[in-house]
Amino acid sequence: MAFLPETTNNQYKGASWAPYVIGLASLQSLVGGSLHVILPDSGLGVIANLNLAHEGGLLMIGLAAWVGATQIAWGSVLALVVLRYRNFALPVLTLVCLEKALILFGVVLKPTNTGEYPPGIYGAALILGLSLIAIYGARAKSE
């Protein structure tokens, strides 16, 4: 009994380039999540330049590490879609768009007091745009 079901890539009927956008989203999630988990300050100080020298600083570091853990799990699912289950590209691209849009809305609605955006925001905006285009490409080609 195999750990993973058989690959379904042969069932994918969309453009061959569209799943690679999911690969970019996977890479961003895996790298960002790993930084949140591995770095001593979860990247909040050394990367995002946030002030952690206050009563809630340790809580912020812990919360960012927890977010990093979910980013690693989500990035792993995205990688599986690209590598083995491309027939799920269209619904997964829709979820990537939802995720990146919510991240961008969160930054706009709840800005930090640094006047800067964390680096992942620029990647989120880029991947949102690419994912919207890839949704068109991931649709099944008419036969």
Protein backbone atom coordinates (compact mmCIF):
# COMPACT_ATOMS: atom_id res chain seq x y z
CA MET A 1 0.00 0.00 0.00
CA ALA A 2 1.53 3.30 -1.12
CA PHE A 3 1.57 6.36 1.13
CA LEU A 4 0.27 8.62 -1.65
CA PRO A 5 -2.35 7.78 -4.28
CA GLU A 6 -1.17 7.39 -7.85
CA THR A 7 -0.35 10.55 -9.73
CA THR A 8 -3.21 12.14 -11.65
CA ASN A 9 -1.11 14.48 -13.79
CA ASN A 10 -2.25 12.66 -16.95
CA GLN A 11 -5.81 13.88 -16.26
CA TYR A 12 -4.78 17.55 -16.29
CA LYS A 13 -6.12 19.29 -19.43
CA GLY A 14 -5.06 22.90 -18.84
CA ALA A 15 -2.05 24.85 -20.06
CA SER A 16 1.26 23.26 -19.13
CA TRP A 17 2.61 26.50 -17.61
CA ALA A 18 -0.27 27.13 -15.16
CA PRO A 19 0.80 24.68 -12.41
CA TYR A 20 4.20 26.37 -12.21
CA VAL A 21 2.48 29.37 -10.62
CA ILE A 22 1.39 27.00 -7.86
CA GLY A 23 5.05 26.01 -7.62
CA LEU A 24 5.98 29.66 -6.98
CA ALA A 25 3.32 29.90 -4.28
CA SER A 26 4.66 26.68 -2.78
CA LEU A 27 8.20 28.04 -2.75
CA GLN A 28 7.09 31.27 -1.09
CA SER A 29 5.15 29.37 1.58
CA LEU A 30 7.94 26.89 2.27
CA VAL A 31 10.71 29.52 2.47
CA GLY A 32 8.65 32.04 4.44
CA GLY A 33 7.33 29.39 6.80
CA SER A 34 10.80 27.97 7.37
CA LEU A 35 12.14 31.43 8.23
CA HIS A 36 9.30 31.98 10.73
CA VAL A 37 10.04 28.64 12.39
CA ILE A 38 13.87 28.68 12.30
CA LEU A 39 14.89 32.28 13.02
CA PRO A 40 15.13 33.18 16.73
CA ASP A 41 12.81 36.18 16.32
CA SER A 42 10.69 34.42 13.66
CA GLY A 43 11.94 37.02 11.18
CA LEU A 44 9.85 39.76 12.75
CA GLY A 45 12.84 41.87 13.75
CA VAL A 46 15.63 40.94 11.38
CA ILE A 47 13.49 40.74 8.24
CA ALA A 48 10.30 42.74 8.86
CA ASN A 49 11.97 45.37 11.11
CA LEU A 50 9.24 45.19 13.74
CA ASN A 51 9.90 46.43 17.27
CA LEU A 52 9.73 43.41 19.58
CA ALA A 53 11.00 45.21 22.71
CA HIS A 54 7.64 45.42 24.46
CA GLU A 55 5.42 43.23 26.59
CA GLY A 56 3.84 41.38 23.64
CA GLY A 57 7.08 40.82 21.72
CA LEU A 58 7.52 37.19 22.77
CA LEU A 59 3.89 36.46 21.97
CA MET A 60 4.37 37.94 18.48
CA ILE A 61 7.41 35.70 17.93
CA GLY A 62 5.44 32.63 19.02
CA LEU A 63 2.46 33.49 16.83
CA ALA A 64 4.72 34.02 13.81
CA ALA A 65 6.32 30.61 14.41
CA TRP A 66 2.86 29.01 14.51
CA VAL A 67 1.94 30.75 11.27
CA GLY A 68 5.20 29.46 9.81
CA ALA A 69 4.20 25.90 10.68
CA THR A 70 0.94 26.26 8.74
CA GLN A 71 2.82 27.88 5.85
CA ILE A 72 5.09 24.83 5.65
CA ALA A 73 2.11 22.48 5.64
CA TRP A 74 0.27 24.52 2.95
CA GLY A 75 3.44 24.83 0.87
CA SER A 76 3.84 21.05 1.00
CA VAL A 77 0.28 20.56 -0.27
CA LEU A 78 0.94 23.01 -3.09
CA ALA A 79 4.12 21.13 -4.02
CA LEU A 80 2.15 17.86 -4.15
CA VAL A 81 -0.35 19.43 -6.54
CA VAL A 82 2.44 20.58 -8.85
CA LEU A 83 4.37 17.32 -8.73
CA ARG A 84 1.62 14.68 -8.61
CA TYR A 85 -1.94 16.03 -8.75
CA ARG A 86 -2.11 18.72 -11.43
CA ASN A 87 -5.76 17.99 -12.12
CA PHE A 88 -6.41 19.98 -8.93
CA ALA A 89 -4.65 23.05 -10.36
CA LEU A 90 -7.77 25.13 -11.00
CA PRO A 91 -9.35 24.87 -7.52
CA VAL A 92 -5.94 25.21 -5.85
CA LEU A 93 -5.14 28.34 -7.88
CA THR A 94 -8.46 29.76 -6.70
CA LEU A 95 -7.44 29.06 -3.10
CA VAL A 96 -4.02 30.65 -3.69
CA CYS A 97 -5.79 33.77 -5.01
CA LEU A 98 -8.02 33.85 -1.93
CA GLU A 99 -5.03 33.42 0.40
CA LYS A 100 -2.93 36.14 -1.25
CA ALA A 101 -5.86 38.56 -1.48
CA LEU A 102 -6.61 38.11 2.22
CA ILE A 103 -2.94 38.68 3.07
CA LEU A 104 -2.94 41.92 1.07
CA PHE A 105 -6.25 43.08 2.60
CA GLY A 106 -4.83 42.33 6.05
CA VAL A 107 -1.81 44.53 5.44
CA VAL A 108 -3.99 47.38 4.18
CA LEU A 109 -6.55 47.10 6.98
CA LYS A 110 -4.05 46.45 9.78
CA PRO A 111 -0.78 48.22 8.96
CA THR A 112 2.26 48.08 11.22
CA ASN A 113 3.70 51.20 12.80
CA THR A 114 7.02 50.84 10.95
CA GLY A 115 5.88 52.41 7.70
CA GLU A 116 7.29 49.38 5.87
CA TYR A 117 5.74 46.24 4.50
CA PRO A 118 7.16 42.80 5.29
CA PRO A 119 8.99 41.35 2.23
CA GLY A 120 6.43 38.56 1.78
CA ILE A 121 3.79 41.12 0.86
CA TYR A 122 5.48 41.92 -2.44
CA GLY A 123 5.66 38.22 -3.27
CA ALA A 124 1.99 37.82 -2.32
CA ALA A 125 0.99 40.62 -4.70
CA LEU A 126 3.05 39.12 -7.53
CA ILE A 127 1.70 35.60 -6.97
CA LEU A 128 -1.87 36.92 -6.77
CA GLY A 129 -1.51 38.52 -10.20
CA LEU A 130 0.13 35.45 -11.70
CA SER A 131 -2.49 33.17 -10.14
CA LEU A 132 -5.33 35.18 -11.66
CA ILE A 133 -3.73 34.71 -15.07
CA ALA A 134 -3.02 31.03 -14.36
CA ILE A 135 -6.68 30.38 -13.52
CA TYR A 136 -7.43 31.16 -17.14
CA GLY A 137 -4.67 28.81 -18.29
CA ALA A 138 -5.63 25.98 -15.94
CA ARG A 139 -9.12 25.66 -17.41
CA ALA A 140 -9.59 22.52 -19.48
CA LYS A 141 -8.83 23.08 -23.15
CA SER A 142 -11.80 22.54 -25.44
CA GLU A 143 -11.45 19.44 -27.50
